[in-house]
């Protein structure tokens, strides 16, 4: 495989890494420009995915996370994700996804401050609530830029929320 890193080696070393290192790592398992998702390399393997969310500007509302297997609905339509999780808004909260089939996914996290279940936007369409995505930083999020390989039995990812406005 080329163009991406395997979660197998990265996750094993990150189990004992300090939290600060995880926060700087962005996506700790693997990420990069690898094109559209494809069938899992290990179809019978399941993954426990833990997403640590940092950078909350306040403790209002919910942290909502979604795991997408395709570009359909990514990143805003969490109801189209293959898995979803949520937790009260606390800095450092960990969203847990159990028994996720090993494969290639894009991750999206929303700080739903008004607890309405969707991203609040201003009149120009700019997000008013915080969000974070796996993979490369881009102005316009694309599924191909956020694809992450999840193959290790335990994958830990740290994502930092970004806020564009008040």
Protein backbone atom coordinates (compact mmCIF):
# COMPACT_ATOMS: atom_id res chain seq x y z
CA UNK A 1 0.00 0.00 0.00
CA UNK A 2 1.23 3.46 -0.80
CA UNK A 3 0.06 6.97 0.04
CA UNK A 4 -1.00 6.27 3.62
CA UNK A 5 0.30 4.99 6.88
CA UNK A 6 -1.00 1.93 8.65
CA UNK A 7 -2.76 2.22 11.98
CA UNK A 8 -1.17 -1.06 13.08
CA UNK A 9 2.21 0.44 13.82
CA UNK A 10 1.18 3.98 14.83
CA UNK A 11 -1.53 2.99 17.34
CA UNK A 12 0.71 0.54 19.19
CA UNK A 13 3.24 3.25 19.99
CA UNK A 14 0.61 5.86 20.82
CA UNK A 15 -0.95 3.83 23.62
CA UNK A 16 1.65 5.16 26.02
CA UNK A 17 2.25 8.58 24.40
CA UNK A 18 1.44 11.70 26.39
CA UNK A 19 -1.85 13.45 25.69
CA UNK A 20 0.00 16.48 24.34
CA UNK A 21 1.59 14.34 21.65
CA UNK A 22 -1.82 12.98 20.66
CA UNK A 23 -3.24 16.47 20.38
CA UNK A 24 -0.42 17.50 18.05
CA UNK A 25 -0.70 14.34 16.01
CA UNK A 26 -4.13 15.20 14.60
CA UNK A 27 -5.09 11.80 13.34
CA UNK A 28 -3.00 9.29 15.26
CA UNK A 29 -3.82 6.19 13.28
CA UNK A 30 -3.29 7.17 9.67
CA UNK A 31 -4.42 9.78 7.23
CA UNK A 32 -3.61 11.36 3.94
CA UNK A 33 -4.60 11.75 0.37
CA UNK A 34 -5.45 8.27 -0.69
CA UNK A 35 -8.50 8.67 -2.89
CA UNK A 36 -11.94 7.21 -2.33
CA UNK A 37 -12.63 4.57 0.28
CA UNK A 38 -12.22 0.97 -0.76
CA UNK A 39 -13.11 -2.38 0.73
CA UNK A 40 -11.42 -3.11 4.07
CA UNK A 41 -8.04 -4.80 3.83
CA UNK A 42 -8.94 -6.97 6.84
CA UNK A 43 -12.65 -7.75 6.40
CA UNK A 44 -12.92 -9.93 9.52
CA UNK A 45 -11.06 -7.55 11.88
CA UNK A 46 -12.91 -5.09 14.11
CA UNK A 47 -11.57 -1.86 15.54
CA UNK A 48 -12.22 0.08 18.72
CA UNK A 49 -11.87 3.73 17.76
CA UNK A 50 -11.39 6.39 20.43
CA UNK A 51 -11.54 10.04 19.36
CA UNK A 52 -10.26 12.51 21.97
CA UNK A 53 -11.74 15.95 21.30
CA UNK A 54 -9.84 19.07 22.38
CA UNK A 55 -10.13 22.83 22.00
CA UNK A 56 -13.73 23.40 23.10
CA UNK A 57 -14.48 27.09 23.58
CA UNK A 58 -17.20 26.38 26.16
CA UNK A 59 -19.07 23.51 27.85
CA UNK A 60 -22.46 24.10 26.23
CA UNK A 61 -24.26 21.44 24.21
CA UNK A 62 -22.90 18.17 22.85
CA UNK A 63 -19.87 16.75 21.09
CA UNK A 64 -21.11 14.65 18.17
CA UNK A 65 -18.83 12.38 16.18
CA UNK A 66 -19.38 10.47 12.96
CA UNK A 67 -17.46 7.85 10.98
CA UNK A 68 -18.05 7.95 7.21
CA UNK A 69 -17.27 5.09 4.82
CA UNK A 70 -18.00 7.17 1.70
CA UNK A 71 -18.31 10.76 0.57
CA UNK A 72 -22.11 10.62 0.80
CA UNK A 73 -23.08 13.08 3.52
CA UNK A 74 -19.53 13.87 4.62
CA UNK A 75 -18.91 15.85 6.78
CA UNK A 76 -22.15 17.50 7.90
CA UNK A 77 -24.86 14.85 7.52
CA UNK A 78 -24.05 12.66 10.52
CA UNK A 79 -27.22 10.61 9.96
CA UNK A 80 -25.55 9.18 6.80
CA UNK A 81 -22.45 8.00 8.71
CA UNK A 82 -21.79 4.32 9.37
CA UNK A 83 -21.32 5.06 13.09
CA UNK A 84 -22.16 7.96 15.38
CA UNK A 85 -21.39 8.83 18.99
CA UNK A 86 -22.10 11.77 21.24
CA UNK A 87 -21.20 13.02 24.69
CA UNK A 88 -21.74 16.16 26.79
CA UNK A 89 -19.39 18.97 25.81
CA UNK A 90 -16.23 18.61 27.91
CA UNK A 91 -12.71 19.40 26.75
CA UNK A 92 -10.82 16.13 26.31
CA UNK A 93 -13.98 14.05 26.01
CA UNK A 94 -13.47 10.71 24.27
CA UNK A 95 -15.99 9.48 21.71
CA UNK A 96 -16.02 5.70 21.53
CA UNK A 97 -16.84 3.59 18.47
CA UNK A 98 -16.90 -0.15 19.23
CA UNK A 99 -16.78 -3.05 16.75
CA UNK A 100 -16.07 -0.92 13.71
CA UNK A 101 -15.02 -3.09 10.76
CA UNK A 102 -11.39 -2.42 9.83
CA UNK A 103 -11.17 -0.20 6.78
CA UNK A 104 -10.84 3.30 5.42
CA UNK A 105 -12.97 6.04 6.91
CA UNK A 106 -13.25 9.79 7.29
CA UNK A 107 -13.95 11.18 10.77
CA UNK A 108 -16.00 14.28 11.59
CA UNK A 109 -16.66 15.89 14.98
CA UNK A 110 -19.06 18.73 15.74
CA UNK A 111 -19.39 20.86 18.89
CA UNK A 112 -23.17 21.23 18.74
CA UNK A 113 -23.38 24.17 21.15
CA UNK A 114 -27.11 24.76 20.66
CA UNK A 115 -27.89 21.01 20.83
CA UNK A 116 -30.05 21.05 17.71
CA UNK A 117 -28.27 18.10 16.03
CA UNK A 118 -26.77 20.06 13.13
CA UNK A 119 -24.05 22.57 12.28
CA UNK A 120 -25.14 26.18 12.86
CA UNK A 121 -24.02 28.48 10.03
CA UNK A 122 -24.14 32.22 9.40
CA UNK A 123 -25.85 33.84 6.40
CA UNK A 124 -22.78 33.13 4.22
CA UNK A 125 -22.74 29.44 5.17
CA UNK A 126 -19.69 29.76 7.42
CA UNK A 127 -19.86 27.42 10.45
CA UNK A 128 -20.70 29.11 13.76
CA UNK A 129 -19.98 25.96 15.78
CA UNK A 130 -16.69 24.12 16.17
CA UNK A 131 -15.75 21.15 14.06
CA UNK A 132 -12.80 18.86 13.42
CA UNK A 133 -12.00 16.39 10.64
CA UNK A 134 -9.46 13.63 10.24
CA UNK A 135 -6.79 13.94 7.59
CA UNK A 136 -5.37 17.00 5.93
CA UNK A 137 -6.36 20.56 6.73
CA UNK A 138 -8.33 22.07 3.86
CA UNK A 139 -10.62 25.06 3.61
CA UNK A 140 -13.35 23.06 1.90
CA UNK A 141 -13.48 19.60 3.46
CA UNK A 142 -13.36 16.71 1.02
CA UNK A 143 -13.79 13.06 1.87
CA UNK A 144 -10.61 12.07 0.00
CA UNK A 145 -8.55 14.48 2.15
CA UNK A 146 -9.95 13.05 5.40
CA UNK A 147 -9.62 9.32 4.72
CA UNK A 148 -7.94 7.41 7.54
CA UNK A 149 -6.97 3.74 7.68
CA UNK A 150 -8.25 1.96 10.76
CA UNK A 151 -6.75 -1.52 11.03
CA UNK A 152 -5.38 -1.90 14.57
CA UNK A 153 -7.66 -3.43 17.22
CA UNK A 154 -7.34 -0.12 19.13
CA UNK A 155 -7.00 3.20 17.32
CA UNK A 156 -6.74 6.46 19.22
CA UNK A 157 -7.18 9.74 17.40
CA UNK A 158 -6.96 13.26 18.82
CA UNK A 159 -8.83 16.02 17.02
CA UNK A 160 -8.77 19.75 17.84
CA UNK A 161 -11.94 21.73 17.16
CA UNK A 162 -11.78 24.79 14.91
CA UNK A 163 -14.11 27.77 15.28
CA UNK A 164 -14.66 30.40 12.55
CA UNK A 165 -16.84 32.85 14.40
CA UNK A 166 -18.69 33.68 17.60
